[in-house]
Amino acid sequence: MQDLPPATLEGKMIAQRRMIAQILAVLIENAADDRLADLLLDVRDLPLDQQEDPGAVPDPAMAVQGAVIEELRLIADEARRLMAERKADGTA
């Protein structure tokens, strides 16, 4: 893959996050079982920031894990926002 400027990479990631959140919102809204929402949106069992002390010199794996956790939270938050927006508009 060619080297892309950081702004381009960030834009692509934001677009993917939004698309995933929209797919999640539609799946959850159309699910017959509320357990799907719990499964897809429950990020409470993931460590919060600084909950796991990486030590004086953070391990690169901790940085990756932190990025994964943050991205999952952002996707879940966006899906919740979309569902609330649709519910308020009466489109859900």
C-alpha atoms as a PDB file:
ATOM      1  CA  MET A   1       0.000   0.000   0.000  1.00  0.00           C
ATOM      2  CA  GLN A   2       1.272   3.419  -0.829  1.00  0.00           C
ATOM      3  CA  ASP A   3       2.080   5.832   1.967  1.00  0.00           C
ATOM      4  CA  LEU A   4      -0.941   8.017   2.631  1.00  0.00           C
ATOM      5  CA  PRO A   5      -0.876  11.322   4.498  1.00  0.00           C
ATOM      6  CA  PRO A   6      -2.119  11.070   8.095  1.00  0.00           C
ATOM      7  CA  ALA A   7      -5.164  13.228   7.313  1.00  0.00           C
ATOM      8  CA  THR A   8      -6.188  10.835   4.523  1.00  0.00           C
ATOM      9  CA  LEU A   9      -5.814   7.810   6.786  1.00  0.00           C
ATOM     10  CA  GLU A  10      -7.810   9.507   9.534  1.00  0.00           C
ATOM     11  CA  GLY A  11     -10.577  10.412   7.076  1.00  0.00           C
ATOM     12  CA  LYS A  12     -10.773   6.823   5.855  1.00  0.00           C
ATOM     13  CA  MET A  13     -10.944   5.501   9.416  1.00  0.00           C
ATOM     14  CA  ILE A  14     -13.700   7.945  10.376  1.00  0.00           C
ATOM     15  CA  ALA A  15     -15.713   6.937   7.299  1.00  0.00           C
ATOM     16  CA  GLN A  16     -15.335   3.254   8.186  1.00  0.00           C
ATOM     17  CA  ARG A  17     -16.309   3.912  11.803  1.00  0.00           C
ATOM     18  CA  ARG A  18     -19.458   5.732  10.695  1.00  0.00           C
ATOM     19  CA  MET A  19     -20.420   2.984   8.253  1.00  0.00           C
ATOM     20  CA  ILE A  20     -19.901   0.250  10.853  1.00  0.00           C
ATOM     21  CA  ALA A  21     -21.967   2.231  13.375  1.00  0.00           C
ATOM     22  CA  GLN A  22     -24.801   2.612  10.857  1.00  0.00           C
ATOM     23  CA  ILE A  23     -24.758  -1.108  10.095  1.00  0.00           C
ATOM     24  CA  LEU A  24     -24.807  -1.908  13.832  1.00  0.00           C
ATOM     25  CA  ALA A  25     -27.675   0.497  14.438  1.00  0.00           C
ATOM     26  CA  VAL A  26     -29.780  -1.076  11.673  1.00  0.00           C
ATOM     27  CA  LEU A  27     -28.970  -4.617  12.821  1.00  0.00           C
ATOM     28  CA  ILE A  28     -29.915  -3.809  16.403  1.00  0.00           C
ATOM     29  CA  GLU A  29     -33.080  -1.921  15.454  1.00  0.00           C
ATOM     30  CA  ASN A  30     -34.257  -4.850  13.329  1.00  0.00           C
ATOM     31  CA  ALA A  31     -33.259  -7.581  15.781  1.00  0.00           C
ATOM     32  CA  ALA A  32     -36.026  -9.547  17.433  1.00  0.00           C
ATOM     33  CA  ASP A  33     -33.841 -10.145  20.474  1.00  0.00           C
ATOM     34  CA  ASP A  34     -32.442  -7.401  22.738  1.00  0.00           C
ATOM     35  CA  ARG A  35     -29.440  -9.573  23.505  1.00  0.00           C
ATOM     36  CA  LEU A  36     -27.935  -8.546  20.156  1.00  0.00           C
ATOM     37  CA  ALA A  37     -27.694  -4.935  21.332  1.00  0.00           C
ATOM     38  CA  ASP A  38     -26.058  -6.059  24.560  1.00  0.00           C
ATOM     39  CA  LEU A  39     -23.565  -8.173  22.662  1.00  0.00           C
ATOM     40  CA  LEU A  40     -22.685  -5.565  20.055  1.00  0.00           C
ATOM     41  CA  LEU A  41     -22.647  -2.454  22.208  1.00  0.00           C
ATOM     42  CA  ASP A  42     -21.335  -3.742  25.520  1.00  0.00           C
ATOM     43  CA  VAL A  43     -17.825  -2.428  25.887  1.00  0.00           C
ATOM     44  CA  ARG A  44     -18.060  -2.114  29.676  1.00  0.00           C
ATOM     45  CA  ASP A  45     -15.847  -5.138  30.262  1.00  0.00           C
ATOM     46  CA  LEU A  46     -12.967  -3.498  28.411  1.00  0.00           C
ATOM     47  CA  PRO A  47     -10.335  -1.715  30.511  1.00  0.00           C
ATOM     48  CA  LEU A  48     -10.823   2.017  30.944  1.00  0.00           C
ATOM     49  CA  ASP A  49      -7.978   4.450  30.301  1.00  0.00           C
ATOM     50  CA  GLN A  50      -5.116   3.857  32.739  1.00  0.00           C
ATOM     51  CA  GLN A  51      -7.045   0.969  34.298  1.00  0.00           C
ATOM     52  CA  GLU A  52      -4.213  -1.328  33.373  1.00  0.00           C
ATOM     53  CA  ASP A  53      -0.922   0.333  34.223  1.00  0.00           C
ATOM     54  CA  PRO A  54       1.505  -0.235  31.347  1.00  0.00           C
ATOM     55  CA  GLY A  55       4.464   0.662  33.543  1.00  0.00           C
ATOM     56  CA  ALA A  56       7.148   3.282  33.047  1.00  0.00           C
ATOM     57  CA  VAL A  57       7.824   2.232  29.463  1.00  0.00           C
ATOM     58  CA  PRO A  58       4.558   1.343  27.722  1.00  0.00           C
ATOM     59  CA  ASP A  59       4.651  -1.838  25.680  1.00  0.00           C
ATOM     60  CA  PRO A  60       3.664  -1.349  22.016  1.00  0.00           C
ATOM     61  CA  ALA A  61       1.040  -4.068  22.514  1.00  0.00           C
ATOM     62  CA  MET A  62      -0.632  -1.889  25.176  1.00  0.00           C
ATOM     63  CA  ALA A  63      -0.781   0.980  22.692  1.00  0.00           C
ATOM     64  CA  VAL A  64      -2.480  -1.268  20.156  1.00  0.00           C
ATOM     65  CA  GLN A  65      -4.887  -2.620  22.785  1.00  0.00           C
ATOM     66  CA  GLY A  66      -5.721   0.914  23.870  1.00  0.00           C
ATOM     67  CA  ALA A  67      -6.427   1.942  20.280  1.00  0.00           C
ATOM     68  CA  VAL A  68      -8.682  -1.091  19.766  1.00  0.00           C
ATOM     69  CA  ILE A  69     -10.641  -0.366  22.939  1.00  0.00           C
ATOM     70  CA  GLU A  70     -11.034   3.307  22.052  1.00  0.00           C
ATOM     71  CA  GLU A  71     -12.230   2.471  18.535  1.00  0.00           C
ATOM     72  CA  LEU A  72     -14.784  -0.053  19.834  1.00  0.00           C
ATOM     73  CA  ARG A  73     -16.116   2.578  22.218  1.00  0.00           C
ATOM     74  CA  LEU A  74     -16.337   5.178  19.463  1.00  0.00           C
ATOM     75  CA  ILE A  75     -18.242   2.777  17.195  1.00  0.00           C
ATOM     76  CA  ALA A  76     -20.643   1.757  19.972  1.00  0.00           C
ATOM     77  CA  ASP A  77     -21.229   5.400  20.961  1.00  0.00           C
ATOM     78  CA  GLU A  78     -21.940   6.380  17.353  1.00  0.00           C
ATOM     79  CA  ALA A  79     -24.352   3.450  16.908  1.00  0.00           C
ATOM     80  CA  ARG A  80     -26.200   4.469  20.085  1.00  0.00           C
ATOM     81  CA  ARG A  81     -26.375   8.074  18.876  1.00  0.00           C
ATOM     82  CA  LEU A  82     -27.765   6.986  15.504  1.00  0.00           C
ATOM     83  CA  MET A  83     -30.398   4.780  17.134  1.00  0.00           C
ATOM     84  CA  ALA A  84     -31.466   7.583  19.480  1.00  0.00           C
ATOM     85  CA  GLU A  85     -31.625  10.024  16.574  1.00  0.00           C
ATOM     86  CA  ARG A  86     -33.775   7.654  14.509  1.00  0.00           C
ATOM     87  CA  LYS A  87     -36.038   6.966  17.468  1.00  0.00           C
ATOM     88  CA  ALA A  88     -36.517  10.696  18.077  1.00  0.00           C
ATOM     89  CA  ASP A  89     -37.284  11.245  14.395  1.00  0.00           C
ATOM     90  CA  GLY A  90     -39.673   8.299  14.350  1.00  0.00           C
ATOM     91  CA  THR A  91     -37.665   6.564  11.626  1.00  0.00           C
ATOM     92  CA  ALA A  92     -36.625   3.591  13.756  1.00  0.00           C
END
